[in-house]
Amino acid sequence: MTHIVTRKCNKCGLCPAVCPVDCIVKGNNPVYDIYYIDGETCIDCGACVAECPISAILTKDEAIKLGLEVDVIDNIEFFASGPGYGDK
């Protein structure tokens, strides 16, 4: 159950520092301008969830239950057809 960063993200930068597999990437353009979690690499350890001061990181299921499907899609597209690790 991969985690995603929602649009609530304030871009503080705390989450990538605690990720043991370096799967959190900051987008650097107007389309992708928050942090994103690579679902293929994420090990669901939850370190980023605990570190986020504003609770912007949720599981995909939690995000969908809250009506944040667009955030789930954006996260997937960032790595599938967007800049992905190229911005790292």
PDB file of N, CA and C in Angstrom:
ATOM      1  N   MET A   1       0.858  -1.181   0.000  1.00  0.00           N
ATOM      2  CA  MET A   1       0.000   0.000   0.000  1.00  0.00           C
ATOM      3  C   MET A   1       0.901   1.240   0.000  1.00  0.00           C
ATOM      4  N   THR A   2       1.295   1.642  -1.161  1.00  0.00           N
ATOM      5  CA  THR A   2       2.223   2.757  -1.326  1.00  0.00           C
ATOM      6  C   THR A   2       1.682   4.058  -0.750  1.00  0.00           C
ATOM      7  N   HIS A   3       2.582   4.891  -0.311  1.00  0.00           N
ATOM      8  CA  HIS A   3       2.223   6.219   0.183  1.00  0.00           C
ATOM      9  C   HIS A   3       2.316   7.242  -0.933  1.00  0.00           C
ATOM     10  N   ILE A   4       1.566   8.331  -0.799  1.00  0.00           N
ATOM     11  CA  ILE A   4       1.640   9.432  -1.741  1.00  0.00           C
ATOM     12  C   ILE A   4       1.683  10.746  -0.965  1.00  0.00           C
ATOM     13  N   VAL A   5       2.221  11.753  -1.609  1.00  0.00           N
ATOM     14  CA  VAL A   5       2.219  13.091  -1.031  1.00  0.00           C
ATOM     15  C   VAL A   5       1.041  13.823  -1.649  1.00  0.00           C
ATOM     16  N   THR A   6       0.178  14.386  -0.819  1.00  0.00           N
ATOM     17  CA  THR A   6      -0.996  15.096  -1.323  1.00  0.00           C
ATOM     18  C   THR A   6      -0.670  16.573  -1.574  1.00  0.00           C
ATOM     19  N   ARG A   7      -1.607  17.266  -2.187  1.00  0.00           N
ATOM     20  CA  ARG A   7      -1.429  18.688  -2.492  1.00  0.00           C
ATOM     21  C   ARG A   7      -1.313  19.548  -1.239  1.00  0.00           C
ATOM     22  N   LYS A   8      -1.573  18.953  -0.115  1.00  0.00           N
ATOM     23  CA  LYS A   8      -1.418  19.675   1.149  1.00  0.00           C
ATOM     24  C   LYS A   8       0.058  19.958   1.445  1.00  0.00           C
ATOM     25  N   CYS A   9       0.959  19.303   0.732  1.00  0.00           N
ATOM     26  CA  CYS A   9       2.398  19.433   0.926  1.00  0.00           C
ATOM     27  C   CYS A   9       2.828  20.895   0.919  1.00  0.00           C
ATOM     28  N   ASN A  10       3.606  21.266   1.940  1.00  0.00           N
ATOM     29  CA  ASN A  10       4.104  22.645   2.013  1.00  0.00           C
ATOM     30  C   ASN A  10       5.562  22.750   1.560  1.00  0.00           C
ATOM     31  N   LYS A  11       6.074  21.677   0.980  1.00  0.00           N
ATOM     32  CA  LYS A  11       7.422  21.643   0.397  1.00  0.00           C
ATOM     33  C   LYS A  11       8.529  21.899   1.419  1.00  0.00           C
ATOM     34  N   CYS A  12       8.321  21.459   2.644  1.00  0.00           N
ATOM     35  CA  CYS A  12       9.314  21.701   3.698  1.00  0.00           C
ATOM     36  C   CYS A  12      10.595  20.900   3.486  1.00  0.00           C
ATOM     37  N   GLY A  13      10.508  19.763   2.801  1.00  0.00           N
ATOM     38  CA  GLY A  13      11.688  18.975   2.502  1.00  0.00           C
ATOM     39  C   GLY A  13      12.131  17.991   3.565  1.00  0.00           C
ATOM     40  N   LEU A  14      11.324  17.768   4.580  1.00  0.00           N
ATOM     41  CA  LEU A  14      11.706  16.839   5.646  1.00  0.00           C
ATOM     42  C   LEU A  14      11.584  15.372   5.226  1.00  0.00           C
ATOM     43  N   CYS A  15      10.628  15.052   4.386  1.00  0.00           N
ATOM     44  CA  CYS A  15      10.357  13.654   4.048  1.00  0.00           C
ATOM     45  C   CYS A  15      11.494  12.951   3.296  1.00  0.00           C
ATOM     46  N   PRO A  16      12.117  13.565   2.295  1.00  0.00           N
ATOM     47  CA  PRO A  16      13.184  12.842   1.601  1.00  0.00           C
ATOM     48  C   PRO A  16      14.357  12.483   2.515  1.00  0.00           C
ATOM     49  N   ALA A  17      14.610  13.304   3.492  1.00  0.00           N
ATOM     50  CA  ALA A  17      15.752  13.077   4.387  1.00  0.00           C
ATOM     51  C   ALA A  17      15.609  11.806   5.218  1.00  0.00           C
ATOM     52  N   VAL A  18      14.371  11.369   5.481  1.00  0.00           N
ATOM     53  CA  VAL A  18      14.171  10.187   6.319  1.00  0.00           C
ATOM     54  C   VAL A  18      13.865   8.932   5.523  1.00  0.00           C
ATOM     55  N   CYS A  19      13.742   9.052   4.211  1.00  0.00           N
ATOM     56  CA  CYS A  19      13.408   7.884   3.382  1.00  0.00           C
ATOM     57  C   CYS A  19      14.631   6.980   3.234  1.00  0.00           C
ATOM     58  N   PRO A  20      14.536   5.727   3.705  1.00  0.00           N
ATOM     59  CA  PRO A  20      15.696   4.837   3.641  1.00  0.00           C
ATOM     60  C   PRO A  20      16.021   4.334   2.238  1.00  0.00           C
ATOM     61  N   VAL A  21      15.098   4.498   1.286  1.00  0.00           N
ATOM     62  CA  VAL A  21      15.344   4.014  -0.075  1.00  0.00           C
ATOM     63  C   VAL A  21      15.381   5.150  -1.103  1.00  0.00           C
ATOM     64  N   ASP A  22      15.415   6.375  -0.642  1.00  0.00           N
ATOM     65  CA  ASP A  22      15.520   7.557  -1.523  1.00  0.00           C
ATOM     66  C   ASP A  22      14.491   7.565  -2.652  1.00  0.00           C
ATOM     67  N   CYS A  23      13.232   7.301  -2.311  1.00  0.00           N
ATOM     68  CA  CYS A  23      12.206   7.264  -3.355  1.00  0.00           C
ATOM     69  C   CYS A  23      11.314   8.506  -3.358  1.00  0.00           C
ATOM     70  N   ILE A  24      11.677   9.539  -2.608  1.00  0.00           N
ATOM     71  CA  ILE A  24      10.889  10.772  -2.564  1.00  0.00           C
ATOM     72  C   ILE A  24      11.641  11.857  -3.329  1.00  0.00           C
ATOM     73  N   VAL A  25      10.957  12.418  -4.323  1.00  0.00           N
ATOM     74  CA  VAL A  25      11.577  13.370  -5.236  1.00  0.00           C
ATOM     75  C   VAL A  25      10.758  14.655  -5.267  1.00  0.00           C
ATOM     76  N   LYS A  26      11.453  15.784  -5.314  1.00  0.00           N
ATOM     77  CA  LYS A  26      10.770  17.077  -5.423  1.00  0.00           C
ATOM     78  C   LYS A  26      10.620  17.435  -6.890  1.00  0.00           C
ATOM     79  N   GLY A  27       9.399  17.788  -7.267  1.00  0.00           N
ATOM     80  CA  GLY A  27       9.156  18.281  -8.606  1.00  0.00           C
ATOM     81  C   GLY A  27       9.669  19.713  -8.715  1.00  0.00           C
ATOM     82  N   ASN A  28      10.187  20.061  -9.869  1.00  0.00           N
ATOM     83  CA  ASN A  28      10.766  21.386 -10.040  1.00  0.00           C
ATOM     84  C   ASN A  28      10.197  22.130 -11.234  1.00  0.00           C
ATOM     85  N   ASN A  29       8.911  21.960 -11.479  1.00  0.00           N
ATOM     86  CA  ASN A  29       8.275  22.720 -12.546  1.00  0.00           C
ATOM     87  C   ASN A  29       6.825  22.996 -12.162  1.00  0.00           C
ATOM     88  N   PRO A  30       6.146  23.891 -12.877  1.00  0.00           N
ATOM     89  CA  PRO A  30       4.779  24.279 -12.487  1.00  0.00           C
ATOM     90  C   PRO A  30       3.762  23.143 -12.463  1.00  0.00           C
ATOM     91  N   VAL A  31       3.945  22.142 -13.293  1.00  0.00           N
ATOM     92  CA  VAL A  31       3.001  21.020 -13.317  1.00  0.00           C
ATOM     93  C   VAL A  31       3.225  20.113 -12.115  1.00  0.00           C
ATOM     94  N   TYR A  32       4.466  19.825 -11.828  1.00  0.00           N
ATOM     95  CA  TYR A  32       4.831  18.956 -10.709  1.00  0.00           C
ATOM     96  C   TYR A  32       5.658  19.789  -9.738  1.00  0.00           C
ATOM     97  N   ASP A  33       5.004  20.349  -8.723  1.00  0.00           N
ATOM     98  CA  ASP A  33       5.727  21.292  -7.869  1.00  0.00           C
ATOM     99  C   ASP A  33       5.764  20.926  -6.393  1.00  0.00           C
ATOM    100  N   ILE A  34       5.382  19.689  -6.054  1.00  0.00           N
ATOM    101  CA  ILE A  34       5.492  19.230  -4.669  1.00  0.00           C
ATOM    102  C   ILE A  34       6.423  18.023  -4.639  1.00  0.00           C
ATOM    103  N   TYR A  35       6.416  17.266  -3.575  1.00  0.00           N
ATOM    104  CA  TYR A  35       7.218  16.045  -3.497  1.00  0.00           C
ATOM    105  C   TYR A  35       6.382  14.865  -3.969  1.00  0.00           C
ATOM    106  N   TYR A  36       7.054  13.855  -4.503  1.00  0.00           N
ATOM    107  CA  TYR A  36       6.383  12.671  -5.027  1.00  0.00           C
ATOM    108  C   TYR A  36       7.111  11.427  -4.550  1.00  0.00           C
ATOM    109  N   ILE A  37       6.346  10.352  -4.347  1.00  0.00           N
ATOM    110  CA  ILE A  37       6.899   9.092  -3.859  1.00  0.00           C
ATOM    111  C   ILE A  37       6.801   8.051  -4.968  1.00  0.00           C
ATOM    112  N   ASP A  38       7.924   7.445  -5.307  1.00  0.00           N
ATOM    113  CA  ASP A  38       7.972   6.404  -6.327  1.00  0.00           C
ATOM    114  C   ASP A  38       7.395   5.119  -5.744  1.00  0.00           C
ATOM    115  N   GLY A  39       6.218   4.758  -6.206  1.00  0.00           N
ATOM    116  CA  GLY A  39       5.533   3.574  -5.701  1.00  0.00           C
ATOM    117  C   GLY A  39       6.239   2.269  -5.997  1.00  0.00           C
ATOM    118  N   GLU A  40       7.092   2.265  -7.021  1.00  0.00           N
ATOM    119  CA  GLU A  40       7.845   1.063  -7.370  1.00  0.00           C
ATOM    120  C   GLU A  40       9.007   0.832  -6.404  1.00  0.00           C
ATOM    121  N   THR A  41       9.484   1.888  -5.770  1.00  0.00           N
ATOM    122  CA  THR A  41      10.633   1.796  -4.879  1.00  0.00           C
ATOM    123  C   THR A  41      10.240   1.847  -3.403  1.00  0.00           C
ATOM    124  N   CYS A  42       9.143   2.524  -3.099  1.00  0.00           N
ATOM    125  CA  CYS A  42       8.687   2.697  -1.717  1.00  0.00           C
ATOM    126  C   CYS A  42       8.505   1.347  -1.024  1.00  0.00           C
ATOM    127  N   ILE A  43       9.029   1.239   0.191  1.00  0.00           N
ATOM    128  CA  ILE A  43       8.904  -0.002   0.967  1.00  0.00           C
ATOM    129  C   ILE A  43       7.843   0.122   2.068  1.00  0.00           C
ATOM    130  N   ASP A  44       7.092   1.211   2.031  1.00  0.00           N
ATOM    131  CA  ASP A  44       5.998   1.433   2.980  1.00  0.00           C
ATOM    132  C   ASP A  44       6.442   1.373   4.443  1.00  0.00           C
ATOM    133  N   CYS A  45       7.593   1.944   4.714  1.00  0.00           N
ATOM    134  CA  CYS A  45       8.097   1.924   6.090  1.00  0.00           C
ATOM    135  C   CYS A  45       7.381   2.950   6.976  1.00  0.00           C
ATOM    136  N   GLY A  46       6.829   4.001   6.351  1.00  0.00           N
ATOM    137  CA  GLY A  46       6.096   5.012   7.102  1.00  0.00           C
ATOM    138  C   GLY A  46       6.954   6.103   7.715  1.00  0.00           C
ATOM    139  N   ALA A  47       8.262   6.079   7.472  1.00  0.00           N
ATOM    140  CA  ALA A  47       9.138   7.103   8.045  1.00  0.00           C
ATOM    141  C   ALA A  47       8.724   8.501   7.589  1.00  0.00           C
ATOM    142  N   CYS A  48       8.340   8.635   6.335  1.00  0.00           N
ATOM    143  CA  CYS A  48       7.939   9.947   5.807  1.00  0.00           C
ATOM    144  C   CYS A  48       6.640  10.426   6.437  1.00  0.00           C
ATOM    145  N   VAL A  49       5.740   9.497   6.701  1.00  0.00           N
ATOM    146  CA  VAL A  49       4.456   9.850   7.315  1.00  0.00           C
ATOM    147  C   VAL A  49       4.692  10.463   8.690  1.00  0.00           C
ATOM    148  N   ALA A  50       5.536   9.820   9.462  1.00  0.00           N
ATOM    149  CA  ALA A  50       5.837  10.307  10.812  1.00  0.00           C
ATOM    150  C   ALA A  50       6.563  11.647  10.778  1.00  0.00           C
ATOM    151  N   GLU A  51       7.355  11.889   9.747  1.00  0.00           N
ATOM    152  CA  GLU A  51       8.166  13.107   9.660  1.00  0.00           C
ATOM    153  C   GLU A  51       7.369  14.319   9.176  1.00  0.00           C
ATOM    154  N   CYS A  52       6.314  14.098   8.415  1.00  0.00           N
ATOM    155  CA  CYS A  52       5.556  15.198   7.816  1.00  0.00           C
ATOM    156  C   CYS A  52       4.798  15.991   8.890  1.00  0.00           C
ATOM    157  N   PRO A  53       5.136  17.278   9.044  1.00  0.00           N
ATOM    158  CA  PRO A  53       4.519  18.071  10.112  1.00  0.00           C
ATOM    159  C   PRO A  53       3.065  18.454   9.858  1.00  0.00           C
ATOM    160  N   ILE A  54       2.603  18.272   8.615  1.00  0.00           N
ATOM    161  CA  ILE A  54       1.223  18.677   8.308  1.00  0.00           C
ATOM    162  C   ILE A  54       0.359  17.520   7.809  1.00  0.00           C
ATOM    163  N   SER A  55       0.831  16.300   7.987  1.00  0.00           N
ATOM    164  CA  SER A  55       0.092  15.087   7.601  1.00  0.00           C
ATOM    165  C   SER A  55      -0.323  15.092   6.132  1.00  0.00           C
ATOM    166  N   ALA A  56       0.605  15.479   5.259  1.00  0.00           N
ATOM    167  CA  ALA A  56       0.322  15.529   3.822  1.00  0.00           C
ATOM    168  C   ALA A  56       0.595  14.210   3.127  1.00  0.00           C
ATOM    169  N   ILE A  57       1.166  13.236   3.846  1.00  0.00           N
ATOM    170  CA  ILE A  57       1.497  11.951   3.248  1.00  0.00           C
ATOM    171  C   ILE A  57       0.513  10.904   3.746  1.00  0.00           C
ATOM    172  N   LEU A  58      -0.131  10.260   2.783  1.00  0.00           N
ATOM    173  CA  LEU A  58      -1.158   9.257   3.077  1.00  0.00           C
ATOM    174  C   LEU A  58      -0.900   8.007   2.256  1.00  0.00           C
ATOM    175  N   THR A  59      -1.559   6.909   2.623  1.00  0.00           N
ATOM    176  CA  THR A  59      -1.544   5.747   1.741  1.00  0.00           C
ATOM    177  C   THR A  59      -2.472   6.064   0.574  1.00  0.00           C
ATOM    178  N   LYS A  60      -2.311   5.339  -0.522  1.00  0.00           N
ATOM    179  CA  LYS A  60      -3.201   5.544  -1.668  1.00  0.00           C
ATOM    180  C   LYS A  60      -4.652   5.350  -1.251  1.00  0.00           C
ATOM    181  N   ASP A  61      -4.903   4.312  -0.467  1.00  0.00           N
ATOM    182  CA  ASP A  61      -6.280   4.029  -0.033  1.00  0.00           C
ATOM    183  C   ASP A  61      -6.856   5.165   0.806  1.00  0.00           C
ATOM    184  N   GLU A  62      -6.053   5.709   1.714  1.00  0.00           N
ATOM    185  CA  GLU A  62      -6.512   6.837   2.536  1.00  0.00           C
ATOM    186  C   GLU A  62      -6.836   8.046   1.664  1.00  0.00           C
ATOM    187  N   ALA A  63      -5.972   8.327   0.695  1.00  0.00           N
ATOM    188  CA  ALA A  63      -6.178   9.469  -0.195  1.00  0.00           C
ATOM    189  C   ALA A  63      -7.465   9.309  -0.999  1.00  0.00           C
ATOM    190  N   ILE A  64      -7.701   8.114  -1.502  1.00  0.00           N
ATOM    191  CA  ILE A  64      -8.918   7.865  -2.284  1.00  0.00           C
ATOM    192  C   ILE A  64     -10.155   8.023  -1.410  1.00  0.00           C
ATOM    193  N   LYS A  65     -10.114   7.508  -0.185  1.00  0.00           N
ATOM    194  CA  LYS A  65     -11.250   7.652   0.738  1.00  0.00           C
ATOM    195  C   LYS A  65     -11.561   9.112   1.031  1.00  0.00           C
ATOM    196  N   LEU A  66     -10.529   9.966   0.983  1.00  0.00           N
ATOM    197  CA  LEU A  66     -10.715  11.397   1.249  1.00  0.00           C
ATOM    198  C   LEU A  66     -11.015  12.195  -0.013  1.00  0.00           C
ATOM    199  N   GLY A  67     -11.202  11.507  -1.125  1.00  0.00           N
ATOM    200  CA  GLY A  67     -11.522  12.190  -2.377  1.00  0.00           C
ATOM    201  C   GLY A  67     -10.320  12.830  -3.060  1.00  0.00           C
ATOM    202  N   LEU A  68      -9.144  12.328  -2.784  1.00  0.00           N
ATOM    203  CA  LEU A  68      -7.919  12.907  -3.336  1.00  0.00           C
ATOM    204  C   LEU A  68      -7.346  12.045  -4.471  1.00  0.00           C
ATOM    205  N   GLU A  69      -8.241  11.488  -5.292  1.00  0.00           N
ATOM    206  CA  GLU A  69      -7.814  10.638  -6.397  1.00  0.00           C
ATOM    207  C   GLU A  69      -6.854  11.364  -7.333  1.00  0.00           C
ATOM    208  N   VAL A  70      -7.075  12.660  -7.533  1.00  0.00           N
ATOM    209  CA  VAL A  70      -6.205  13.426  -8.434  1.00  0.00           C
ATOM    210  C   VAL A  70      -4.768  13.445  -7.917  1.00  0.00           C
ATOM    211  N   ASP A  71      -4.579  13.457  -6.615  1.00  0.00           N
ATOM    212  CA  ASP A  71      -3.230  13.414  -6.048  1.00  0.00           C
ATOM    213  C   ASP A  71      -2.581  12.052  -6.298  1.00  0.00           C
ATOM    214  N   VAL A  72      -3.363  11.003  -6.215  1.00  0.00           N
ATOM    215  CA  VAL A  72      -2.856   9.656  -6.493  1.00  0.00           C
ATOM    216  C   VAL A  72      -2.411   9.583  -7.956  1.00  0.00           C
ATOM    217  N   ILE A  73      -3.248  10.079  -8.851  1.00  0.00           N
ATOM    218  CA  ILE A  73      -2.933  10.064 -10.283  1.00  0.00           C
ATOM    219  C   ILE A  73      -1.695  10.904 -10.576  1.00  0.00           C
ATOM    220  N   ASP A  74      -1.621  12.101  -9.999  1.00  0.00           N
ATOM    221  CA  ASP A  74      -0.450  12.961 -10.210  1.00  0.00           C
ATOM    222  C   ASP A  74       0.829  12.274  -9.769  1.00  0.00           C
ATOM    223  N   ASN A  75       0.783  11.585  -8.628  1.00  0.00           N
ATOM    224  CA  ASN A  75       1.963  10.894  -8.114  1.00  0.00           C
ATOM    225  C   ASN A  75       2.415   9.800  -9.079  1.00  0.00           C
ATOM    226  N   ILE A  76       1.463   9.039  -9.589  1.00  0.00           N
ATOM    227  CA  ILE A  76       1.787   7.962 -10.535  1.00  0.00           C
ATOM    228  C   ILE A  76       2.352   8.551 -11.824  1.00  0.00           C
ATOM    229  N   GLU A  77       1.708   9.595 -12.341  1.00  0.00           N
ATOM    230  CA  GLU A  77       2.136  10.193 -13.602  1.00  0.00           C
ATOM    231  C   GLU A  77       3.500  10.876 -13.492  1.00  0.00           C
ATOM    232  N   PHE A  78       3.839  11.373 -12.321  1.00  0.00           N
ATOM    233  CA  PHE A  78       5.146  12.012 -12.141  1.00  0.00           C
ATOM    234  C   PHE A  78       6.264  11.051 -12.524  1.00  0.00           C
ATOM    235  N   PHE A  79       6.126   9.781 -12.153  1.00  0.00           N
ATOM    236  CA  PHE A  79       7.157   8.791 -12.464  1.00  0.00           C
ATOM    237  C   PHE A  79       6.912   8.079 -13.791  1.00  0.00           C
ATOM    238  N   ALA A  80       5.649   7.956 -14.214  1.00  0.00           N
ATOM    239  CA  ALA A  80       5.342   7.242 -15.454  1.00  0.00           C
ATOM    240  C   ALA A  80       5.618   8.086 -16.704  1.00  0.00           C
ATOM    241  N   SER A  81       5.187   9.343 -16.696  1.00  0.00           N
ATOM    242  CA  SER A  81       5.352  10.170 -17.895  1.00  0.00           C
ATOM    243  C   SER A  81       5.892  11.555 -17.616  1.00  0.00           C
ATOM    244  N   GLY A  82       6.072  11.867 -16.345  1.00  0.00           N
ATOM    245  CA  GLY A  82       6.607  13.177 -15.961  1.00  0.00           C
ATOM    246  C   GLY A  82       8.103  13.108 -15.771  1.00  0.00           C
ATOM    247  N   PRO A  83       8.646  14.065 -15.053  1.00  0.00           N
ATOM    248  CA  PRO A  83      10.093  14.126 -14.899  1.00  0.00           C
ATOM    249  C   PRO A  83      10.712  13.016 -14.039  1.00  0.00           C
ATOM    250  N   GLY A  84       9.934  12.448 -13.114  1.00  0.00           N
ATOM    251  CA  GLY A  84      10.462  11.376 -12.273  1.00  0.00           C
ATOM    252  C   GLY A  84      11.768  11.728 -11.599  1.00  0.00           C
ATOM    253  N   TYR A  85      12.707  10.804 -11.633  1.00  0.00           N
ATOM    254  CA  TYR A  85      13.991  11.026 -10.970  1.00  0.00           C
ATOM    255  C   TYR A  85      14.872  12.031 -11.702  1.00  0.00           C
ATOM    256  N   GLY A  86      14.473  12.461 -12.869  1.00  0.00           N
ATOM    257  CA  GLY A  86      15.252  13.439 -13.628  1.00  0.00           C
ATOM    258  C   GLY A  86      15.404  14.760 -12.919  1.00  0.00           C
ATOM    259  N   ASP A  87      14.479  15.093 -12.025  1.00  0.00           N
ATOM    260  CA  ASP A  87      14.526  16.354 -11.284  1.00  0.00           C
ATOM    261  C   ASP A  87      15.323  16.239 -10.000  1.00  0.00           C
ATOM    262  N   LYS A  88      15.754  15.071  -9.657  1.00  0.00           N
ATOM    263  CA  LYS A  88      16.398  14.842  -8.358  1.00  0.00           C
ATOM    264  C   LYS A  88      17.745  15.495  -8.287  1.00  0.00           C
TER     265      LYS A  88
END
